[in-house]
Amino acid sequence: MEVRSPAVVLAPAKINLALEILGRREDGYHALRSVMVPIALADELTFEPGARFAFDCDPPSLAADNLVLRALARIGRADAPVRIVLRKRVPAGAGLGGGSSDAAAVLRAAMNGVFGATEARDWIADARALGSDVPFFLADGPALVEGTGERVTALGAPPPWWVVLVVPNAHVPTAAAYAALAQSRATHPAPTRPRGGSAALRCGEALQRADYGAVLAGRAMLSGSGGACFALFADEPGARAFAAKLRAPGGAAVHVVPFAESGAWR
């Protein structure tokens, strides 16, 4: 199927407002419980009609084995006559889910008819196969994420809050971070966290109420496995005033952005 006309799809980064890493499962993965929110720092994917398939990535160093290519292969569009340009704005290896969001953007583009008529298929299964964070990005808004990422409960429209995001010049591989956690817990088992006392569940409920004080109230937090960290603010002036006074470490990038609003939830 051919791409009908040029289309641009944004792939937002995410932050983890809460993250509980629970027990290690028999398959080696860790179960988790997290509240994730997309933010208005986004990669951009452009789909253009072409005579043959072509993929360009800016920067080119991130083109090899890119999740965009894996997503296209998963849905049978690896040889589609289309030129795809990926402009990376979300730093890699920072716990912001940029690659997973790119994969979800490909799935969303396909679901919205970029490649022509939409076929009937299990898009959630496709997302799960591509990575643990990919199903979250299909929710198109804040969500409670559980299991290994496969259980996603949408939390509705985000409140109009802002984030000051600091991204150090350091790459933290997620697999290595979880491997270190598993090694640590071999001698110091994880505490039991029943759902009734879950900080992530309380955070999700507070987010739905737009109860800023009950969510973070200005605390600095790490996103995912890091190394990006962030502070949450109730409005833009507060966020920009904080960023103006911030002394970030050398080489770190600072972004002041709101929660992403897709319009999918009202």
Protein backbone atom coordinates (compact mmCIF):
# COMPACT_ATOMS: atom_id res chain seq x y z
CA MET A 1 0.00 0.00 0.00
CA GLU A 2 1.26 3.47 -0.84
CA VAL A 3 1.44 6.47 1.46
CA ARG A 4 -1.40 8.72 0.41
CA SER A 5 0.11 12.12 1.22
CA PRO A 6 2.82 13.63 3.43
CA ALA A 7 2.07 13.27 7.12
CA VAL A 8 3.86 14.41 10.27
CA VAL A 9 3.51 12.47 13.53
CA LEU A 10 4.94 13.62 16.86
CA ALA A 11 6.46 11.11 19.27
CA PRO A 12 6.54 12.66 22.76
CA ALA A 13 8.91 11.83 25.58
CA LYS A 14 7.54 10.59 28.90
CA ILE A 15 8.33 11.05 32.55
CA ASN A 16 7.55 8.71 35.43
CA LEU A 17 5.69 10.54 38.18
CA ALA A 18 5.88 7.35 40.25
CA LEU A 19 7.74 4.10 39.72
CA GLU A 20 7.56 0.98 41.85
CA ILE A 21 9.78 -1.89 40.74
CA LEU A 22 8.23 -5.00 42.20
CA GLY A 23 9.40 -8.62 42.23
CA ARG A 24 11.41 -10.30 39.51
CA ARG A 25 9.32 -12.70 37.45
CA GLU A 26 10.23 -16.22 36.34
CA ASP A 27 10.93 -14.93 32.82
CA GLY A 28 13.63 -12.62 34.20
CA TYR A 29 11.67 -9.39 33.80
CA HIS A 30 10.72 -7.16 36.71
CA ALA A 31 7.07 -6.36 37.35
CA LEU A 32 6.46 -2.66 37.81
CA ARG A 33 3.78 -0.16 38.69
CA SER A 34 4.22 3.34 37.34
CA VAL A 35 2.40 6.55 36.49
CA MET A 36 3.68 7.85 33.15
CA VAL A 37 2.89 11.17 31.49
CA PRO A 38 3.86 12.32 27.97
CA ILE A 39 5.54 15.73 27.81
CA ALA A 40 5.87 18.30 25.03
CA LEU A 41 9.41 17.32 24.10
CA ALA A 42 8.95 15.19 21.01
CA ASP A 43 10.64 13.48 18.11
CA GLU A 44 9.12 14.17 14.70
CA LEU A 45 8.39 11.55 12.05
CA THR A 46 7.55 12.62 8.51
CA PHE A 47 5.98 10.12 6.09
CA GLU A 48 6.23 11.05 2.40
CA PRO A 49 5.23 9.15 -0.76
CA GLY A 50 8.24 7.66 -2.51
CA ALA A 51 9.23 5.35 -5.33
CA ARG A 52 10.82 2.96 -2.85
CA PHE A 53 11.41 2.67 0.88
CA ALA A 54 13.89 5.09 2.43
CA PHE A 55 14.64 5.98 6.04
CA ASP A 56 16.62 9.02 7.16
CA CYS A 57 17.45 9.81 10.77
CA ASP A 58 18.75 13.03 12.27
CA PRO A 59 21.23 12.34 13.77
CA PRO A 60 22.39 9.53 11.43
CA SER A 61 24.16 7.73 14.28
CA LEU A 62 20.77 6.55 15.60
CA ALA A 63 19.57 5.05 12.30
CA ALA A 64 20.92 1.52 12.72
CA ASP A 65 18.46 -1.00 14.23
CA ASN A 66 16.09 1.87 14.96
CA LEU A 67 12.73 1.05 16.54
CA VAL A 68 11.04 2.79 13.61
CA LEU A 69 12.43 0.08 11.33
CA ARG A 70 11.42 -2.68 13.75
CA ALA A 71 7.90 -1.30 13.97
CA LEU A 72 7.58 -1.19 10.18
CA ALA A 73 8.81 -4.79 9.93
CA ARG A 74 6.34 -5.85 12.63
CA ILE A 75 3.35 -4.51 10.66
CA GLY A 76 4.62 -5.64 7.26
CA ARG A 77 5.58 -2.20 5.92
CA ALA A 78 9.37 -2.62 5.77
CA ASP A 79 9.33 -2.36 1.97
CA ALA A 80 6.54 0.17 1.57
CA PRO A 81 7.12 2.90 -1.07
CA VAL A 82 7.62 5.63 1.49
CA ARG A 83 10.35 7.99 2.70
CA ILE A 84 10.40 8.34 6.47
CA VAL A 85 12.41 11.07 8.14
CA LEU A 86 12.97 10.83 11.89
CA ARG A 87 14.14 14.01 13.61
CA LYS A 88 15.31 13.10 17.09
CA ARG A 89 14.64 15.64 19.82
CA VAL A 90 14.25 13.25 22.76
CA PRO A 91 17.68 12.32 24.16
CA ALA A 92 18.53 8.62 23.96
CA GLY A 93 19.37 6.63 27.08
CA ALA A 94 17.81 9.19 29.41
CA GLY A 95 14.78 7.25 30.69
CA LEU A 96 12.42 9.32 28.52
CA GLY A 97 11.17 6.54 26.22
CA GLY A 98 12.10 8.22 22.94
CA GLY A 99 12.65 5.04 20.93
CA SER A 100 9.48 3.43 22.26
CA SER A 101 7.52 6.57 21.40
CA ASP A 102 8.91 6.47 17.86
CA ALA A 103 7.71 2.88 17.47
CA ALA A 104 4.27 3.81 18.80
CA ALA A 105 4.15 6.74 16.36
CA VAL A 106 4.62 4.32 13.47
CA LEU A 107 1.75 2.18 14.77
CA ARG A 108 -0.47 5.25 15.23
CA ALA A 109 0.34 6.43 11.71
CA ALA A 110 -0.62 3.04 10.32
CA MET A 111 -3.84 2.95 12.37
CA ASN A 112 -4.73 6.40 11.04
CA GLY A 113 -4.41 5.30 7.43
CA VAL A 114 -1.02 6.74 6.46
CA PHE A 115 -0.29 3.55 4.50
CA GLY A 116 -3.78 3.37 3.01
CA ALA A 117 -6.71 1.33 4.24
CA THR A 118 -6.28 0.20 7.84
CA GLU A 119 -6.21 -3.54 8.32
CA ALA A 120 -7.76 -5.40 11.21
CA ARG A 121 -4.95 -6.53 13.52
CA ASP A 122 -4.02 -6.66 17.18
CA TRP A 123 -2.16 -3.37 17.49
CA ILE A 124 -1.66 -3.80 21.22
CA ALA A 125 0.12 -7.10 20.61
CA ASP A 126 2.32 -5.32 18.09
CA ALA A 127 3.14 -2.67 20.68
CA ARG A 128 3.96 -5.26 23.33
CA ALA A 129 6.27 -7.10 20.94
CA LEU A 130 8.22 -3.92 20.22
CA GLY A 131 8.99 -2.95 23.82
CA SER A 132 7.62 -2.59 27.32
CA ASP A 133 6.98 1.18 27.04
CA VAL A 134 5.36 1.10 23.59
CA PRO A 135 1.81 0.20 24.78
CA PHE A 136 1.83 3.26 27.06
CA PHE A 137 2.42 5.63 24.16
CA LEU A 138 -0.65 4.27 22.37
CA ALA A 139 -2.77 5.59 25.27
CA ASP A 140 -1.99 9.12 24.05
CA GLY A 141 -2.06 10.58 27.57
CA PRO A 142 -1.22 9.90 31.23
CA ALA A 143 -1.61 6.30 32.32
CA LEU A 144 -1.04 3.80 35.09
CA VAL A 145 1.30 1.15 33.70
CA GLU A 146 1.63 -2.28 35.32
CA GLY A 147 3.06 -5.75 34.73
CA THR A 148 6.03 -5.43 32.38
CA GLY A 149 4.30 -2.54 30.63
CA GLU A 150 1.48 -4.50 29.04
CA ARG A 151 -1.29 -3.35 31.40
CA VAL A 152 -2.10 0.28 30.66
CA THR A 153 -4.93 2.16 32.36
CA ALA A 154 -5.56 5.59 30.85
CA LEU A 155 -5.95 8.39 33.41
CA GLY A 156 -7.68 10.93 31.18
CA ALA A 157 -6.63 14.43 30.20
CA PRO A 158 -3.48 15.79 31.87
CA PRO A 159 -3.60 18.87 34.07
CA PRO A 160 -1.89 22.00 32.64
CA TRP A 161 1.35 21.48 34.57
CA TRP A 162 4.93 22.14 33.52
CA VAL A 163 8.20 20.26 33.83
CA VAL A 164 11.79 21.42 34.15
CA LEU A 165 13.80 18.56 32.70
CA VAL A 166 17.56 18.18 33.12
CA VAL A 167 19.31 15.68 30.86
CA PRO A 168 22.96 15.03 31.76
CA ASN A 169 25.48 14.01 29.14
CA ALA A 170 25.28 10.37 30.21
CA HIS A 171 23.67 7.26 28.70
CA VAL A 172 22.01 4.83 31.11
CA PRO A 173 21.14 1.49 29.41
CA THR A 174 17.86 0.23 30.86
CA ALA A 175 18.95 -3.42 30.74
CA ALA A 176 22.09 -2.64 32.73
CA ALA A 177 20.12 -0.70 35.32
CA TYR A 178 17.69 -3.57 35.88
CA ALA A 179 20.54 -6.09 35.96
CA ALA A 180 22.20 -4.08 38.73
CA LEU A 181 18.90 -3.98 40.60
CA ALA A 182 18.51 -7.76 40.30
CA GLN A 183 22.02 -8.28 41.64
CA SER A 184 21.32 -5.99 44.59
CA ARG A 185 18.05 -7.70 45.40
CA ALA A 186 19.70 -11.12 45.38
CA THR A 187 20.98 -10.22 48.84
CA HIS A 188 18.41 -7.56 49.79
CA PRO A 189 14.94 -8.68 48.61
CA ALA A 190 12.42 -6.08 47.53
CA PRO A 191 9.86 -5.02 50.14
CA THR A 192 6.29 -6.15 49.66
CA ARG A 193 4.12 -3.42 48.09
CA PRO A 194 0.44 -4.45 48.12
CA ARG A 195 -1.88 -2.49 45.86
CA GLY A 196 -3.68 -1.01 48.86
CA GLY A 197 -0.52 0.83 49.92
CA SER A 198 0.81 1.62 46.47
CA ALA A 199 2.39 5.06 46.03
CA ALA A 200 1.86 4.77 42.27
CA LEU A 201 -1.87 4.20 42.67
CA ARG A 202 -2.13 7.18 45.02
CA CYS A 203 -0.17 9.27 42.53
CA GLY A 204 -2.48 8.26 39.67
CA GLU A 205 -5.57 9.18 41.66
CA ALA A 206 -4.05 12.55 42.63
CA LEU A 207 -3.18 13.23 38.99
CA GLN A 208 -6.78 12.62 37.97
CA ARG A 209 -7.89 15.12 40.62
CA ALA A 210 -5.21 17.59 39.42
CA ASP A 211 -4.01 17.63 43.03
CA TYR A 212 -0.55 19.08 42.47
CA GLY A 213 0.55 18.93 46.10
CA ALA A 214 -0.30 15.23 46.38
CA VAL A 215 1.66 14.29 43.26
CA LEU A 216 5.12 15.81 43.65
CA ALA A 217 5.00 19.36 45.02
CA GLY A 218 8.33 20.40 43.55
CA ARG A 219 10.43 17.36 44.42
CA ALA A 220 13.15 16.40 41.98
CA MET A 221 12.60 12.97 40.45
CA LEU A 222 14.45 10.58 38.15
CA SER A 223 12.61 9.53 35.00
CA GLY A 224 12.56 5.78 34.48
CA SER A 225 16.02 4.27 34.86
CA GLY A 226 17.61 7.72 34.30
CA GLY A 227 19.65 9.69 33.80
CA ALA A 228 17.15 12.52 33.10
CA CYS A 229 15.66 14.13 36.19
CA PHE A 230 12.83 16.61 36.49
CA ALA A 231 10.85 18.87 38.77
CA LEU A 232 7.13 19.46 38.38
CA PHE A 233 5.45 22.87 38.51
CA ALA A 234 1.83 23.95 38.56
CA ASP A 235 2.35 26.70 35.97
CA GLU A 236 4.76 28.03 33.35
CA PRO A 237 6.03 31.07 35.30
CA GLY A 238 7.07 28.91 38.22
CA ALA A 239 8.86 26.48 35.93
CA ARG A 240 10.73 29.18 34.04
CA ALA A 241 11.71 31.01 37.21
CA PHE A 242 13.17 27.79 38.62
CA ALA A 243 15.00 27.01 35.36
CA ALA A 244 16.52 30.51 35.31
CA LYS A 245 18.10 29.90 38.73
CA LEU A 246 19.11 26.31 38.01
CA ARG A 247 22.81 25.47 37.86
CA ALA A 248 22.85 22.35 35.73
CA PRO A 249 26.04 20.26 35.57
CA GLY A 250 28.35 20.82 32.62
CA GLY A 251 27.06 19.36 29.37
CA ALA A 252 23.51 18.91 30.69
CA ALA A 253 20.55 20.07 28.61
CA VAL A 254 17.64 21.85 30.29
CA HIS A 255 14.12 21.78 28.83
CA VAL A 256 11.09 23.66 30.15
CA VAL A 257 7.97 22.02 28.71
CA PRO A 258 4.31 21.38 29.60
CA PHE A 259 2.57 18.04 29.81
CA ALA A 260 1.69 17.00 26.27
CA GLU A 261 -1.95 17.60 25.33
CA SER A 262 -3.05 15.48 22.38
CA GLY A 263 -6.75 16.26 22.49
CA ALA A 264 -7.51 12.56 22.73
CA TRP A 265 -8.93 13.01 26.25
CA ARG A 266 -11.32 15.75 27.33
